[in-house]
PDB file of N, CA and C in Angstrom:
ATOM      1  N   MET A   1       0.839  -1.199   0.000  1.00  0.00           N
ATOM      2  CA  MET A   1       0.000   0.000   0.000  1.00  0.00           C
ATOM      3  C   MET A   1       0.880   1.259   0.000  1.00  0.00           C
ATOM      4  N   LEU A   2       1.861   1.281   0.889  1.00  0.00           N
ATOM      5  CA  LEU A   2       2.764   2.435   0.957  1.00  0.00           C
ATOM      6  C   LEU A   2       3.514   2.604  -0.349  1.00  0.00           C
ATOM      7  N   LYS A   3       3.947   1.466  -0.921  1.00  0.00           N
ATOM      8  CA  LYS A   3       4.656   1.488  -2.195  1.00  0.00           C
ATOM      9  C   LYS A   3       3.784   2.131  -3.265  1.00  0.00           C
ATOM     10  N   PHE A   4       2.504   1.752  -3.278  1.00  0.00           N
ATOM     11  CA  PHE A   4       1.554   2.273  -4.258  1.00  0.00           C
ATOM     12  C   PHE A   4       1.414   3.787  -4.115  1.00  0.00           C
ATOM     13  N   ILE A   5       1.248   4.250  -2.867  1.00  0.00           N
ATOM     14  CA  ILE A   5       1.089   5.688  -2.612  1.00  0.00           C
ATOM     15  C   ILE A   5       2.342   6.438  -3.053  1.00  0.00           C
ATOM     16  N   ARG A   6       3.489   5.847  -2.786  1.00  0.00           N
ATOM     17  CA  ARG A   6       4.748   6.486  -3.159  1.00  0.00           C
ATOM     18  C   ARG A   6       4.849   6.601  -4.680  1.00  0.00           C
ATOM     19  N   MET A   7       4.465   5.524  -5.362  1.00  0.00           N
ATOM     20  CA  MET A   7       4.472   5.518  -6.820  1.00  0.00           C
ATOM     21  C   MET A   7       3.556   6.606  -7.360  1.00  0.00           C
ATOM     22  N   VAL A   8       2.350   6.679  -6.797  1.00  0.00           N
ATOM     23  CA  VAL A   8       1.382   7.693  -7.225  1.00  0.00           C
ATOM     24  C   VAL A   8       1.939   9.083  -6.963  1.00  0.00           C
ATOM     25  N   SER A   9       2.553   9.271  -5.807  1.00  0.00           N
ATOM     26  CA  SER A   9       3.099  10.578  -5.452  1.00  0.00           C
ATOM     27  C   SER A   9       4.145  11.025  -6.471  1.00  0.00           C
ATOM     28  N   ILE A  10       5.038  10.098  -6.837  1.00  0.00           N
ATOM     29  CA  ILE A  10       6.073  10.426  -7.814  1.00  0.00           C
ATOM     30  C   ILE A  10       5.429  10.776  -9.154  1.00  0.00           C
ATOM     31  N   LYS A  11       4.447   9.975  -9.540  1.00  0.00           N
ATOM     32  CA  LYS A  11       3.736  10.246 -10.798  1.00  0.00           C
ATOM     33  C   LYS A  11       3.090  11.621 -10.763  1.00  0.00           C
ATOM     34  N   LYS A  12       2.441  11.941  -9.648  1.00  0.00           N
ATOM     35  CA  LYS A  12       1.723  13.205  -9.530  1.00  0.00           C
ATOM     36  C   LYS A  12       2.690  14.377  -9.530  1.00  0.00           C
ATOM     37  N   LEU A  13       3.848  14.212  -8.899  1.00  0.00           N
ATOM     38  CA  LEU A  13       4.839  15.284  -8.894  1.00  0.00           C
ATOM     39  C   LEU A  13       5.269  15.603 -10.317  1.00  0.00           C
ATOM     40  N   VAL A  14       5.358  14.543 -11.143  1.00  0.00           N
ATOM     41  CA  VAL A  14       5.732  14.748 -12.542  1.00  0.00           C
ATOM     42  C   VAL A  14       4.559  15.384 -13.303  1.00  0.00           C
ATOM     43  N   THR A  15       3.346  14.905 -13.003  1.00  0.00           N
ATOM     44  CA  THR A  15       2.166  15.389 -13.730  1.00  0.00           C
ATOM     45  C   THR A  15       1.833  16.833 -13.345  1.00  0.00           C
ATOM     46  N   GLY A  16       1.825  17.122 -12.061  1.00  0.00           N
ATOM     47  CA  GLY A  16       1.473  18.473 -11.601  1.00  0.00           C
ATOM     48  C   GLY A  16       0.973  18.450 -10.179  1.00  0.00           C
ATOM     49  N   THR A  17       1.034  19.619  -9.519  1.00  0.00           N
ATOM     50  CA  THR A  17       0.701  19.680  -8.094  1.00  0.00           C
ATOM     51  C   THR A  17      -0.802  19.627  -7.852  1.00  0.00           C
ATOM     52  N   LYS A  18      -1.622  20.033  -8.827  1.00  0.00           N
ATOM     53  CA  LYS A  18      -3.072  20.042  -8.622  1.00  0.00           C
ATOM     54  C   LYS A  18      -3.573  18.626  -8.339  1.00  0.00           C
ATOM     55  N   GLU A  19      -3.123  17.668  -9.146  1.00  0.00           N
ATOM     56  CA  GLU A  19      -3.556  16.288  -8.957  1.00  0.00           C
ATOM     57  C   GLU A  19      -3.016  15.722  -7.648  1.00  0.00           C
ATOM     58  N   LEU A  20      -1.810  16.115  -7.287  1.00  0.00           N
ATOM     59  CA  LEU A  20      -1.231  15.677  -6.017  1.00  0.00           C
ATOM     60  C   LEU A  20      -2.097  16.142  -4.858  1.00  0.00           C
ATOM     61  N   ASN A  21      -2.566  17.386  -4.943  1.00  0.00           N
ATOM     62  CA  ASN A  21      -3.453  17.912  -3.907  1.00  0.00           C
ATOM     63  C   ASN A  21      -4.753  17.121  -3.863  1.00  0.00           C
ATOM     64  N   ASP A  22      -5.261  16.710  -5.034  1.00  0.00           N
ATOM     65  CA  ASP A  22      -6.471  15.896  -5.080  1.00  0.00           C
ATOM     66  C   ASP A  22      -6.258  14.595  -4.333  1.00  0.00           C
ATOM     67  N   VAL A  23      -5.094  13.974  -4.550  1.00  0.00           N
ATOM     68  CA  VAL A  23      -4.779  12.712  -3.869  1.00  0.00           C
ATOM     69  C   VAL A  23      -4.718  12.934  -2.363  1.00  0.00           C
ATOM     70  N   ARG A  24      -4.107  14.043  -1.966  1.00  0.00           N
ATOM     71  CA  ARG A  24      -3.987  14.340  -0.533  1.00  0.00           C
ATOM     72  C   ARG A  24      -5.364  14.506   0.102  1.00  0.00           C
ATOM     73  N   THR A  25      -6.241  15.250  -0.559  1.00  0.00           N
ATOM     74  CA  THR A  25      -7.576  15.467  -0.004  1.00  0.00           C
ATOM     75  C   THR A  25      -8.334  14.154   0.050  1.00  0.00           C
ATOM     76  N   LEU A  26      -8.131  13.309  -0.961  1.00  0.00           N
ATOM     77  CA  LEU A  26      -8.794  12.009  -1.004  1.00  0.00           C
ATOM     78  C   LEU A  26      -8.344  11.155   0.183  1.00  0.00           C
ATOM     79  N   LEU A  27      -7.027  11.100   0.406  1.00  0.00           N
ATOM     80  CA  LEU A  27      -6.482  10.330   1.524  1.00  0.00           C
ATOM     81  C   LEU A  27      -6.983  10.889   2.852  1.00  0.00           C
ATOM     82  N   PHE A  28      -7.026  12.221   2.956  1.00  0.00           N
ATOM     83  CA  PHE A  28      -7.490  12.867   4.182  1.00  0.00           C
ATOM     84  C   PHE A  28      -8.947  12.520   4.443  1.00  0.00           C
ATOM     85  N   ARG A  29      -9.769  12.541   3.367  1.00  0.00           N
ATOM     86  CA  ARG A  29     -11.189  12.209   3.518  1.00  0.00           C
ATOM     87  C   ARG A  29     -11.359  10.774   3.980  1.00  0.00           C
ATOM     88  N   CYS A  30     -10.589   9.859   3.398  1.00  0.00           N
ATOM     89  CA  CYS A  30     -10.671   8.449   3.795  1.00  0.00           C
ATOM     90  C   CYS A  30     -10.295   8.311   5.264  1.00  0.00           C
ATOM     91  N   HIS A  31      -9.207   8.960   5.675  1.00  0.00           N
ATOM     92  CA  HIS A  31      -8.734   8.902   7.051  1.00  0.00           C
ATOM     93  C   HIS A  31      -9.788   9.450   8.009  1.00  0.00           C
ATOM     94  N   PHE A  32     -10.372  10.582   7.643  1.00  0.00           N
ATOM     95  CA  PHE A  32     -11.384  11.214   8.480  1.00  0.00           C
ATOM     96  C   PHE A  32     -12.620  10.325   8.584  1.00  0.00           C
ATOM     97  N   HIS A  33     -12.996   9.708   7.466  1.00  0.00           N
ATOM     98  CA  HIS A  33     -14.166   8.833   7.439  1.00  0.00           C
ATOM     99  C   HIS A  33     -13.942   7.637   8.358  1.00  0.00           C
ATOM    100  N   ILE A  34     -12.746   7.041   8.291  1.00  0.00           N
ATOM    101  CA  ILE A  34     -12.429   5.897   9.143  1.00  0.00           C
ATOM    102  C   ILE A  34     -12.493   6.320  10.610  1.00  0.00           C
ATOM    103  N   ASN A  35     -11.946   7.497  10.910  1.00  0.00           N
ATOM    104  CA  ASN A  35     -11.964   7.974  12.292  1.00  0.00           C
ATOM    105  C   ASN A  35     -13.388   8.158  12.800  1.00  0.00           C
ATOM    106  N   SER A  36     -14.250   8.722  11.972  1.00  0.00           N
ATOM    107  CA  SER A  36     -15.636   8.940  12.393  1.00  0.00           C
ATOM    108  C   SER A  36     -16.344   7.601  12.588  1.00  0.00           C
ATOM    109  N   GLU A  37     -16.018   6.627  11.728  1.00  0.00           N
ATOM    110  CA  GLU A  37     -16.596   5.286  11.889  1.00  0.00           C
ATOM    111  C   GLU A  37     -16.176   4.695  13.234  1.00  0.00           C
ATOM    112  N   GLU A  38     -14.904   4.836  13.562  1.00  0.00           N
ATOM    113  CA  GLU A  38     -14.401   4.314  14.835  1.00  0.00           C
ATOM    114  C   GLU A  38     -15.070   5.009  16.014  1.00  0.00           C
ATOM    115  N   LEU A  39     -15.264   6.317  15.898  1.00  0.00           N
ATOM    116  CA  LEU A  39     -15.923   7.065  16.971  1.00  0.00           C
ATOM    117  C   LEU A  39     -17.343   6.559  17.179  1.00  0.00           C
ATOM    118  N   ASN A  40     -18.039   6.300  16.088  1.00  0.00           N
ATOM    119  CA  ASN A  40     -19.407   5.787  16.190  1.00  0.00           C
ATOM    120  C   ASN A  40     -19.419   4.435  16.898  1.00  0.00           C
ATOM    121  N   LEU A  41     -18.453   3.573  16.569  1.00  0.00           N
ATOM    122  CA  LEU A  41     -18.369   2.264  17.215  1.00  0.00           C
ATOM    123  C   LEU A  41     -18.110   2.419  18.708  1.00  0.00           C
ATOM    124  N   LEU A  42     -17.223   3.344  19.066  1.00  0.00           N
ATOM    125  CA  LEU A  42     -16.922   3.574  20.476  1.00  0.00           C
ATOM    126  C   LEU A  42     -18.155   4.088  21.213  1.00  0.00           C
ATOM    127  N   ARG A  43     -18.921   4.969  20.571  1.00  0.00           N
ATOM    128  CA  ARG A  43     -20.123   5.513  21.204  1.00  0.00           C
ATOM    129  C   ARG A  43     -21.140   4.412  21.450  1.00  0.00           C
ATOM    130  N   LYS A  44     -21.255   3.482  20.495  1.00  0.00           N
ATOM    131  CA  LYS A  44     -22.226   2.396  20.639  1.00  0.00           C
ATOM    132  C   LYS A  44     -21.843   1.474  21.796  1.00  0.00           C
ATOM    133  N   ARG A  45     -20.548   1.291  22.007  1.00  0.00           N
ATOM    134  CA  ARG A  45     -20.088   0.414  23.082  1.00  0.00           C
ATOM    135  C   ARG A  45     -20.439   0.975  24.448  1.00  0.00           C
ATOM    136  N   HIS A  46     -20.313   2.294  24.595  1.00  0.00           N
ATOM    137  CA  HIS A  46     -20.556   2.920  25.913  1.00  0.00           C
ATOM    138  C   HIS A  46     -22.032   3.042  26.227  1.00  0.00           C
TER     139      HIS A  46
END
């Protein structure tokens, strides 16, 4: 997975910074979504 992200990052750096920013926002959204899912699970447990 890390290898894939690194490959994409290198590709995006060559392609342009706009797409790199898109990838960053996408990763951030996924991370945030996972965190909110975990929070919901924790709330249900309590």
